[in-house]
C-alpha atoms as a PDB file:
ATOM      1  CA  UNK A   1      56.124  44.031 -18.041  1.00  0.00           C
ATOM      2  CA  UNK A   2      53.276  46.192 -19.780  1.00  0.00           C
ATOM      3  CA  UNK A   3      51.764  43.589 -22.200  1.00  0.00           C
ATOM      4  CA  UNK A   4      52.446  45.484 -25.436  1.00  0.00           C
ATOM      5  CA  UNK A   5      55.960  45.489 -24.477  1.00  0.00           C
ATOM      6  CA  UNK A   6      55.848  41.516 -23.374  1.00  0.00           C
ATOM      7  CA  UNK A   7      53.893  41.077 -26.806  1.00  0.00           C
ATOM      8  CA  UNK A   8      57.348  43.228 -29.005  1.00  0.00           C
ATOM      9  CA  UNK A   9      59.894  41.591 -26.945  1.00  0.00           C
ATOM     10  CA  UNK A  10      58.498  37.978 -27.851  1.00  0.00           C
ATOM     11  CA  UNK A  11      58.045  39.078 -31.389  1.00  0.00           C
ATOM     12  CA  UNK A  12      61.687  40.759 -31.640  1.00  0.00           C
ATOM     13  CA  UNK A  13      63.053  37.111 -30.008  1.00  0.00           C
ATOM     14  CA  UNK A  14      61.248  35.320 -32.358  1.00  0.00           C
ATOM     15  CA  UNK A  15      62.732  37.170 -35.472  1.00  0.00           C
ATOM     16  CA  UNK A  16      66.252  37.078 -33.898  1.00  0.00           C
ATOM     17  CA  UNK A  17      66.030  33.339 -33.517  1.00  0.00           C
ATOM     18  CA  UNK A  18      64.413  32.047 -36.910  1.00  0.00           C
ATOM     19  CA  UNK A  19      65.169  35.155 -39.299  1.00  0.00           C
ATOM     20  CA  UNK A  20      68.620  35.837 -38.769  1.00  0.00           C
ATOM     21  CA  UNK A  21      71.286  36.050 -41.405  1.00  0.00           C
ATOM     22  CA  UNK A  22      73.020  32.564 -42.655  1.00  0.00           C
ATOM     23  CA  UNK A  23      69.571  30.662 -41.286  1.00  0.00           C
ATOM     24  CA  UNK A  24      67.927  29.692 -44.648  1.00  0.00           C
ATOM     25  CA  UNK A  25      70.677  29.334 -45.929  1.00  0.00           C
ATOM     26  CA  UNK A  26      71.855  26.050 -43.575  1.00  0.00           C
ATOM     27  CA  UNK A  27      67.820  25.127 -43.916  1.00  0.00           C
ATOM     28  CA  UNK A  28      67.886  24.860 -47.570  1.00  0.00           C
ATOM     29  CA  UNK A  29      70.900  23.067 -47.200  1.00  0.00           C
ATOM     30  CA  UNK A  30      69.355  20.387 -44.756  1.00  0.00           C
ATOM     31  CA  UNK A  31      65.959  19.801 -46.371  1.00  0.00           C
ATOM     32  CA  UNK A  32      67.317  19.724 -50.331  1.00  0.00           C
ATOM     33  CA  UNK A  33      68.087  15.582 -49.823  1.00  0.00           C
ATOM     34  CA  UNK A  34      63.535  15.723 -48.869  1.00  0.00           C
ATOM     35  CA  UNK A  35      62.003  18.362 -51.111  1.00  0.00           C
ATOM     36  CA  UNK A  36      62.434  18.696 -54.809  1.00  0.00           C
ATOM     37  CA  UNK A  37      61.559  21.866 -57.266  1.00  0.00           C
ATOM     38  CA  UNK A  38      57.855  21.885 -57.938  1.00  0.00           C
ATOM     39  CA  UNK A  39      57.394  20.049 -54.474  1.00  0.00           C
ATOM     40  CA  UNK A  40      53.886  21.119 -52.756  1.00  0.00           C
ATOM     41  CA  UNK A  41      54.715  21.048 -48.905  1.00  0.00           C
ATOM     42  CA  UNK A  42      52.908  22.104 -46.048  1.00  0.00           C
ATOM     43  CA  UNK A  43      54.060  23.912 -43.425  1.00  0.00           C
ATOM     44  CA  UNK A  44      51.407  23.685 -39.801  1.00  0.00           C
ATOM     45  CA  UNK A  45      52.756  26.010 -37.614  1.00  0.00           C
ATOM     46  CA  UNK A  46      55.029  27.923 -39.724  1.00  0.00           C
ATOM     47  CA  UNK A  47      55.583  30.650 -37.119  1.00  0.00           C
ATOM     48  CA  UNK A  48      57.591  33.336 -38.914  1.00  0.00           C
ATOM     49  CA  UNK A  49      57.653  31.531 -42.050  1.00  0.00           C
ATOM     50  CA  UNK A  50      62.005  30.785 -42.026  1.00  0.00           C
ATOM     51  CA  UNK A  51      61.189  26.817 -43.018  1.00  0.00           C
ATOM     52  CA  UNK A  52      58.226  28.297 -45.233  1.00  0.00           C
ATOM     53  CA  UNK A  53      60.737  30.411 -46.906  1.00  0.00           C
ATOM     54  CA  UNK A  54      63.706  27.666 -47.115  1.00  0.00           C
ATOM     55  CA  UNK A  55      60.666  25.010 -48.830  1.00  0.00           C
ATOM     56  CA  UNK A  56      60.144  28.109 -51.231  1.00  0.00           C
ATOM     57  CA  UNK A  57      63.923  28.895 -52.222  1.00  0.00           C
ATOM     58  CA  UNK A  58      64.539  25.389 -53.146  1.00  0.00           C
ATOM     59  CA  UNK A  59      61.562  25.641 -55.543  1.00  0.00           C
ATOM     60  CA  UNK A  60      58.518  24.059 -53.648  1.00  0.00           C
ATOM     61  CA  UNK A  61      55.029  25.014 -53.888  1.00  0.00           C
ATOM     62  CA  UNK A  62      54.531  26.078 -50.217  1.00  0.00           C
ATOM     63  CA  UNK A  63      50.870  25.906 -48.346  1.00  0.00           C
ATOM     64  CA  UNK A  64      51.824  27.678 -44.816  1.00  0.00           C
ATOM     65  CA  UNK A  65      49.237  27.679 -41.741  1.00  0.00           C
ATOM     66  CA  UNK A  66      49.690  29.816 -38.519  1.00  0.00           C
ATOM     67  CA  UNK A  67      46.515  30.419 -36.253  1.00  0.00           C
ATOM     68  CA  UNK A  68      48.103  33.092 -34.415  1.00  0.00           C
ATOM     69  CA  UNK A  69      46.965  36.325 -35.945  1.00  0.00           C
ATOM     70  CA  UNK A  70      49.749  38.899 -34.423  1.00  0.00           C
ATOM     71  CA  UNK A  71      52.456  35.683 -36.143  1.00  0.00           C
ATOM     72  CA  UNK A  72      50.035  35.328 -39.196  1.00  0.00           C
ATOM     73  CA  UNK A  73      50.684  39.095 -40.506  1.00  0.00           C
ATOM     74  CA  UNK A  74      54.266  38.802 -40.119  1.00  0.00           C
ATOM     75  CA  UNK A  75      54.375  35.696 -42.127  1.00  0.00           C
ATOM     76  CA  UNK A  76      52.396  36.534 -45.177  1.00  0.00           C
ATOM     77  CA  UNK A  77      55.042  39.774 -44.696  1.00  0.00           C
ATOM     78  CA  UNK A  78      58.040  37.612 -44.398  1.00  0.00           C
ATOM     79  CA  UNK A  79      57.465  35.458 -47.162  1.00  0.00           C
ATOM     80  CA  UNK A  80      55.635  37.822 -50.025  1.00  0.00           C
ATOM     81  CA  UNK A  81      58.098  37.918 -51.890  1.00  0.00           C
ATOM     82  CA  UNK A  82      58.712  34.390 -53.062  1.00  0.00           C
ATOM     83  CA  UNK A  83      55.301  34.402 -54.732  1.00  0.00           C
ATOM     84  CA  UNK A  84      55.401  30.706 -53.967  1.00  0.00           C
ATOM     85  CA  UNK A  85      54.059  30.447 -50.683  1.00  0.00           C
ATOM     86  CA  UNK A  86      50.404  30.503 -49.605  1.00  0.00           C
ATOM     87  CA  UNK A  87      49.389  31.466 -46.273  1.00  0.00           C
ATOM     88  CA  UNK A  88      46.551  30.514 -44.278  1.00  0.00           C
ATOM     89  CA  UNK A  89      45.370  31.721 -40.555  1.00  0.00           C
ATOM     90  CA  UNK A  90      43.999  28.037 -39.694  1.00  0.00           C
ATOM     91  CA  UNK A  91      45.232  25.371 -37.293  1.00  0.00           C
ATOM     92  CA  UNK A  92      45.001  21.474 -38.048  1.00  0.00           C
ATOM     93  CA  UNK A  93      43.385  18.688 -36.044  1.00  0.00           C
ATOM     94  CA  UNK A  94      41.113  15.774 -36.070  1.00  0.00           C
ATOM     95  CA  UNK A  95      38.195  17.213 -36.855  1.00  0.00           C
ATOM     96  CA  UNK A  96      37.080  20.946 -38.838  1.00  0.00           C
ATOM     97  CA  UNK A  97      35.868  23.697 -35.851  1.00  0.00           C
ATOM     98  CA  UNK A  98      37.157  26.348 -33.870  1.00  0.00           C
ATOM     99  CA  UNK A  99      39.154  25.635 -31.065  1.00  0.00           C
ATOM    100  CA  UNK A 100      41.113  27.761 -28.030  1.00  0.00           C
ATOM    101  CA  UNK A 101      44.669  28.349 -28.676  1.00  0.00           C
ATOM    102  CA  UNK A 102      46.597  29.333 -25.521  1.00  0.00           C
ATOM    103  CA  UNK A 103      49.740  31.720 -26.550  1.00  0.00           C
ATOM    104  CA  UNK A 104      52.669  33.450 -24.801  1.00  0.00           C
ATOM    105  CA  UNK A 105      53.413  36.998 -24.982  1.00  0.00           C
ATOM    106  CA  UNK A 106      57.157  36.415 -24.346  1.00  0.00           C
ATOM    107  CA  UNK A 107      57.283  33.330 -26.021  1.00  0.00           C
ATOM    108  CA  UNK A 108      54.861  33.335 -29.467  1.00  0.00           C
ATOM    109  CA  UNK A 109      56.863  29.910 -30.325  1.00  0.00           C
ATOM    110  CA  UNK A 110      54.849  27.635 -27.829  1.00  0.00           C
ATOM    111  CA  UNK A 111      51.156  28.226 -28.268  1.00  0.00           C
ATOM    112  CA  UNK A 112      49.448  25.300 -28.277  1.00  0.00           C
ATOM    113  CA  UNK A 113      45.663  24.043 -28.777  1.00  0.00           C
ATOM    114  CA  UNK A 114      46.578  21.272 -25.828  1.00  0.00           C
ATOM    115  CA  UNK A 115      45.488  21.899 -22.020  1.00  0.00           C
ATOM    116  CA  UNK A 116      47.177  18.532 -21.076  1.00  0.00           C
ATOM    117  CA  UNK A 117      50.192  18.775 -23.159  1.00  0.00           C
ATOM    118  CA  UNK A 118      50.400  22.356 -21.154  1.00  0.00           C
ATOM    119  CA  UNK A 119      50.633  20.401 -18.189  1.00  0.00           C
ATOM    120  CA  UNK A 120      52.711  17.682 -18.941  1.00  0.00           C
ATOM    121  CA  UNK A 121      55.399  19.730 -20.091  1.00  0.00           C
ATOM    122  CA  UNK A 122      55.316  22.447 -17.085  1.00  0.00           C
ATOM    123  CA  UNK A 123      55.396  19.103 -14.924  1.00  0.00           C
ATOM    124  CA  UNK A 124      58.284  18.082 -16.389  1.00  0.00           C
ATOM    125  CA  UNK A 125      59.878  21.228 -15.647  1.00  0.00           C
ATOM    126  CA  UNK A 126      62.068  21.180 -18.573  1.00  0.00           C
ATOM    127  CA  UNK A 127      61.715  24.707 -18.975  1.00  0.00           C
ATOM    128  CA  UNK A 128      57.940  24.894 -19.747  1.00  0.00           C
ATOM    129  CA  UNK A 129      57.387  25.413 -16.681  1.00  0.00           C
ATOM    130  CA  UNK A 130      58.577  29.117 -16.769  1.00  0.00           C
ATOM    131  CA  UNK A 131      55.932  29.760 -20.065  1.00  0.00           C
ATOM    132  CA  UNK A 132      53.599  32.175 -19.050  1.00  0.00           C
ATOM    133  CA  UNK A 133      50.419  31.099 -21.304  1.00  0.00           C
ATOM    134  CA  UNK A 134      48.883  34.745 -20.880  1.00  0.00           C
ATOM    135  CA  UNK A 135      46.312  34.613 -23.758  1.00  0.00           C
ATOM    136  CA  UNK A 136      43.860  32.671 -25.832  1.00  0.00           C
ATOM    137  CA  UNK A 137      42.517  33.072 -28.750  1.00  0.00           C
ATOM    138  CA  UNK A 138      39.380  31.576 -30.775  1.00  0.00           C
ATOM    139  CA  UNK A 139      41.016  30.032 -34.018  1.00  0.00           C
ATOM    140  CA  UNK A 140      39.192  27.592 -37.471  1.00  0.00           C
ATOM    141  CA  UNK A 141      40.729  24.343 -37.704  1.00  0.00           C
ATOM    142  CA  UNK A 142      40.602  22.201 -40.323  1.00  0.00           C
ATOM    143  CA  UNK A 143      42.130  18.710 -41.032  1.00  0.00           C
ATOM    144  CA  UNK A 144      45.142  17.835 -43.540  1.00  0.00           C
ATOM    145  CA  UNK A 145      42.680  15.748 -45.246  1.00  0.00           C
ATOM    146  CA  UNK A 146      40.840  18.588 -46.090  1.00  0.00           C
ATOM    147  CA  UNK A 147      43.315  20.673 -46.738  1.00  0.00           C
ATOM    148  CA  UNK A 148      44.995  17.694 -49.204  1.00  0.00           C
ATOM    149  CA  UNK A 149      41.078  18.044 -51.169  1.00  0.00           C
ATOM    150  CA  UNK A 150      41.616  21.421 -51.956  1.00  0.00           C
ATOM    151  CA  UNK A 151      45.337  21.402 -52.551  1.00  0.00           C
ATOM    152  CA  UNK A 152      46.887  18.134 -53.325  1.00  0.00           C
ATOM    153  CA  UNK A 153      48.662  15.611 -51.886  1.00  0.00           C
ATOM    154  CA  UNK A 154      52.307  17.039 -50.542  1.00  0.00           C
ATOM    155  CA  UNK A 155      55.779  15.686 -50.788  1.00  0.00           C
ATOM    156  CA  UNK A 156      56.133  16.220 -47.300  1.00  0.00           C
ATOM    157  CA  UNK A 157      54.834  17.876 -45.021  1.00  0.00           C
ATOM    158  CA  UNK A 158      56.204  19.798 -41.568  1.00  0.00           C
ATOM    159  CA  UNK A 159      54.169  19.891 -38.372  1.00  0.00           C
ATOM    160  CA  UNK A 160      55.296  21.456 -35.433  1.00  0.00           C
ATOM    161  CA  UNK A 161      51.761  22.558 -32.975  1.00  0.00           C
ATOM    162  CA  UNK A 162      53.042  22.366 -29.657  1.00  0.00           C
ATOM    163  CA  UNK A 163      51.621  18.913 -28.349  1.00  0.00           C
ATOM    164  CA  UNK A 164      48.934  18.857 -31.046  1.00  0.00           C
ATOM    165  CA  UNK A 165      51.084  16.580 -33.508  1.00  0.00           C
ATOM    166  CA  UNK A 166      48.836  13.476 -32.739  1.00  0.00           C
ATOM    167  CA  UNK A 167      45.889  15.311 -33.261  1.00  0.00           C
ATOM    168  CA  UNK A 168      46.419  16.751 -36.316  1.00  0.00           C
ATOM    169  CA  UNK A 169      47.425  12.842 -37.994  1.00  0.00           C
ATOM    170  CA  UNK A 170      43.751  11.795 -36.557  1.00  0.00           C
ATOM    171  CA  UNK A 171      42.807  14.213 -39.572  1.00  0.00           C
ATOM    172  CA  UNK A 172      44.956  12.253 -41.720  1.00  0.00           C
ATOM    173  CA  UNK A 173      43.467   9.614 -43.627  1.00  0.00           C
ATOM    174  CA  UNK A 174      46.343   8.355 -46.227  1.00  0.00           C
ATOM    175  CA  UNK A 175      49.885   7.887 -45.976  1.00  0.00           C
ATOM    176  CA  UNK A 176      52.198  10.644 -47.199  1.00  0.00           C
ATOM    177  CA  UNK A 177      55.595  10.651 -48.763  1.00  0.00           C
ATOM    178  CA  UNK A 178      57.758  12.135 -45.793  1.00  0.00           C
ATOM    179  CA  UNK A 179      57.127  14.532 -43.130  1.00  0.00           C
ATOM    180  CA  UNK A 180      58.247  15.852 -39.995  1.00  0.00           C
ATOM    181  CA  UNK A 181      56.802  16.183 -36.557  1.00  0.00           C
ATOM    182  CA  UNK A 182      58.113  17.849 -32.913  1.00  0.00           C
ATOM    183  CA  UNK A 183      58.721  15.927 -29.832  1.00  0.00           C
ATOM    184  CA  UNK A 184      59.253  17.737 -26.175  1.00  0.00           C
ATOM    185  CA  UNK A 185      60.711  15.602 -23.170  1.00  0.00           C
ATOM    186  CA  UNK A 186      58.125  15.076 -20.693  1.00  0.00           C
ATOM    187  CA  UNK A 187      55.383  15.000 -23.404  1.00  0.00           C
ATOM    188  CA  UNK A 188      57.526  11.433 -25.511  1.00  0.00           C
ATOM    189  CA  UNK A 189      54.246   9.608 -25.030  1.00  0.00           C
ATOM    190  CA  UNK A 190      52.481  12.057 -27.886  1.00  0.00           C
ATOM    191  CA  UNK A 191      55.187  11.321 -29.762  1.00  0.00           C
ATOM    192  CA  UNK A 192      54.639   7.482 -29.702  1.00  0.00           C
ATOM    193  CA  UNK A 193      50.855   8.214 -30.384  1.00  0.00           C
ATOM    194  CA  UNK A 194      52.344   9.651 -33.712  1.00  0.00           C
ATOM    195  CA  UNK A 195      54.533   6.797 -34.389  1.00  0.00           C
ATOM    196  CA  UNK A 196      51.662   4.535 -34.127  1.00  0.00           C
ATOM    197  CA  UNK A 197      49.199   6.654 -36.256  1.00  0.00           C
ATOM    198  CA  UNK A 198      51.874   6.612 -38.959  1.00  0.00           C
ATOM    199  CA  UNK A 199      52.175   3.052 -39.185  1.00  0.00           C
ATOM    200  CA  UNK A 200      48.541   2.390 -39.233  1.00  0.00           C
ATOM    201  CA  UNK A 201      48.627   4.173 -42.963  1.00  0.00           C
ATOM    202  CA  UNK A 202      51.496   2.553 -43.708  1.00  0.00           C
ATOM    203  CA  UNK A 203      55.243   0.961 -43.149  1.00  0.00           C
ATOM    204  CA  UNK A 204      57.616   4.485 -42.839  1.00  0.00           C
ATOM    205  CA  UNK A 205      61.148   4.511 -41.713  1.00  0.00           C
ATOM    206  CA  UNK A 206      62.401   6.739 -39.109  1.00  0.00           C
ATOM    207  CA  UNK A 207      65.475  10.097 -38.297  1.00  0.00           C
ATOM    208  CA  UNK A 208      65.532  12.049 -35.321  1.00  0.00           C
ATOM    209  CA  UNK A 209      67.365  15.958 -35.495  1.00  0.00           C
ATOM    210  CA  UNK A 210      67.773  16.971 -31.871  1.00  0.00           C
ATOM    211  CA  UNK A 211      66.403  20.751 -31.551  1.00  0.00           C
ATOM    212  CA  UNK A 212      67.753  23.172 -33.650  1.00  0.00           C
ATOM    213  CA  UNK A 213      70.564  21.294 -35.242  1.00  0.00           C
ATOM    214  CA  UNK A 214      70.589  20.702 -38.853  1.00  0.00           C
ATOM    215  CA  UNK A 215      72.125  16.678 -39.488  1.00  0.00           C
ATOM    216  CA  UNK A 216      70.451  13.744 -38.837  1.00  0.00           C
ATOM    217  CA  UNK A 217      71.383  11.758 -35.514  1.00  0.00           C
ATOM    218  CA  UNK A 218      71.198   8.406 -36.673  1.00  0.00           C
ATOM    219  CA  UNK A 219      73.481   6.590 -38.850  1.00  0.00           C
ATOM    220  CA  UNK A 220      70.935   5.294 -41.172  1.00  0.00           C
ATOM    221  CA  UNK A 221      66.858   5.631 -40.608  1.00  0.00           C
ATOM    222  CA  UNK A 222      65.140   3.109 -38.502  1.00  0.00           C
ATOM    223  CA  UNK A 223      61.616   1.365 -38.275  1.00  0.00           C
ATOM    224  CA  UNK A 224      58.637   2.172 -36.276  1.00  0.00           C
ATOM    225  CA  UNK A 225      59.511  -0.318 -33.449  1.00  0.00           C
ATOM    226  CA  UNK A 226      63.355   0.785 -32.994  1.00  0.00           C
ATOM    227  CA  UNK A 227      62.097   4.705 -33.160  1.00  0.00           C
ATOM    228  CA  UNK A 228      59.451   3.732 -30.600  1.00  0.00           C
ATOM    229  CA  UNK A 229      61.764   2.261 -28.369  1.00  0.00           C
ATOM    230  CA  UNK A 230      64.157   5.399 -28.377  1.00  0.00           C
ATOM    231  CA  UNK A 231      61.161   7.102 -27.366  1.00  0.00           C
ATOM    232  CA  UNK A 232      60.056   5.120 -24.116  1.00  0.00           C
ATOM    233  CA  UNK A 233      63.475   5.266 -23.620  1.00  0.00           C
ATOM    234  CA  UNK A 234      63.625   8.967 -23.227  1.00  0.00           C
ATOM    235  CA  UNK A 235      64.647  10.075 -26.318  1.00  0.00           C
ATOM    236  CA  UNK A 236      69.139   9.869 -25.193  1.00  0.00           C
ATOM    237  CA  UNK A 237      67.899  12.650 -22.953  1.00  0.00           C
ATOM    238  CA  UNK A 238      66.889  15.472 -25.806  1.00  0.00           C
ATOM    239  CA  UNK A 239      65.173  18.137 -24.478  1.00  0.00           C
ATOM    240  CA  UNK A 240      63.408  18.471 -27.858  1.00  0.00           C
ATOM    241  CA  UNK A 241      63.806  18.010 -31.544  1.00  0.00           C
ATOM    242  CA  UNK A 242      61.975  16.512 -34.638  1.00  0.00           C
ATOM    243  CA  UNK A 243      61.332  12.829 -35.586  1.00  0.00           C
ATOM    244  CA  UNK A 244      61.505  12.851 -39.763  1.00  0.00           C
ATOM    245  CA  UNK A 245      59.533   9.873 -41.352  1.00  0.00           C
ATOM    246  CA  UNK A 246      59.771   8.456 -44.607  1.00  0.00           C
ATOM    247  CA  UNK A 247      57.622   5.834 -46.174  1.00  0.00           C
ATOM    248  CA  UNK A 248      58.994   2.673 -47.420  1.00  0.00           C
ATOM    249  CA  UNK A 249      58.236   2.272 -51.372  1.00  0.00           C
ATOM    250  CA  UNK A 250      55.819  -0.802 -51.639  1.00  0.00           C
ATOM    251  CA  UNK A 251      58.615  -2.588 -53.152  1.00  0.00           C
ATOM    252  CA  UNK A 252      61.019  -2.538 -50.375  1.00  0.00           C
ATOM    253  CA  UNK A 253      57.747  -3.106 -47.730  1.00  0.00           C
ATOM    254  CA  UNK A 254      56.905  -6.011 -50.138  1.00  0.00           C
ATOM    255  CA  UNK A 255      60.400  -7.614 -49.586  1.00  0.00           C
ATOM    256  CA  UNK A 256      60.038  -7.227 -46.175  1.00  0.00           C
ATOM    257  CA  UNK A 257      56.759  -8.854 -45.483  1.00  0.00           C
ATOM    258  CA  UNK A 258      57.969 -11.771 -47.542  1.00  0.00           C
ATOM    259  CA  UNK A 259      61.478 -11.854 -45.698  1.00  0.00           C
END
């Protein structure tokens, strides 16, 4: 397939998956308990802005980051009407700088800054072994701390960066109220690194969403030890999903230490 046709196919595929009718309604329903009107929300790895649009639809002020130039143009186009989304052509990492982002023309959702993660998921043969990372672009990288200095502390931060989540959290020096992080079978050690990093900042409770579902997997939020053991045991065999972390209120945290 010619490269131009492959790029168009990849974009069309993403539009069909992430911007189809009804998706916004289900996303807003899911995020409503987590996001209040006028909350500040960061969408890190915004792709085509389906979640950024949902956050804005709930009345949040959204900062959406997408470093892929082709997708960034569409992100701006698709979120422009809300008036509540600020789009930035940036990636996040442990330190500011410039890094090479590997992408797939046919699967633009799986662009990654981590060569070691790409090797991991290829070897795990969970579907990523079929991905052809056939392009690379040098992108500007900033940090969560720098983003907070510029815009303020977010009430919620969604991070979906294909194996670079731990590096994103390494650029954060203060606890956030709540956030989500992607995990992928074959590289669950990356998710465990994220849990460890969050635990070093503050106590958190965790939930799980499987794949693209719109409900939590567990009956209740669990602590860091429990989610770490769940990940260590194979994450219930899930191919992928998202960890949701919610900071434990100070009063509850103090009570836990006393007991």
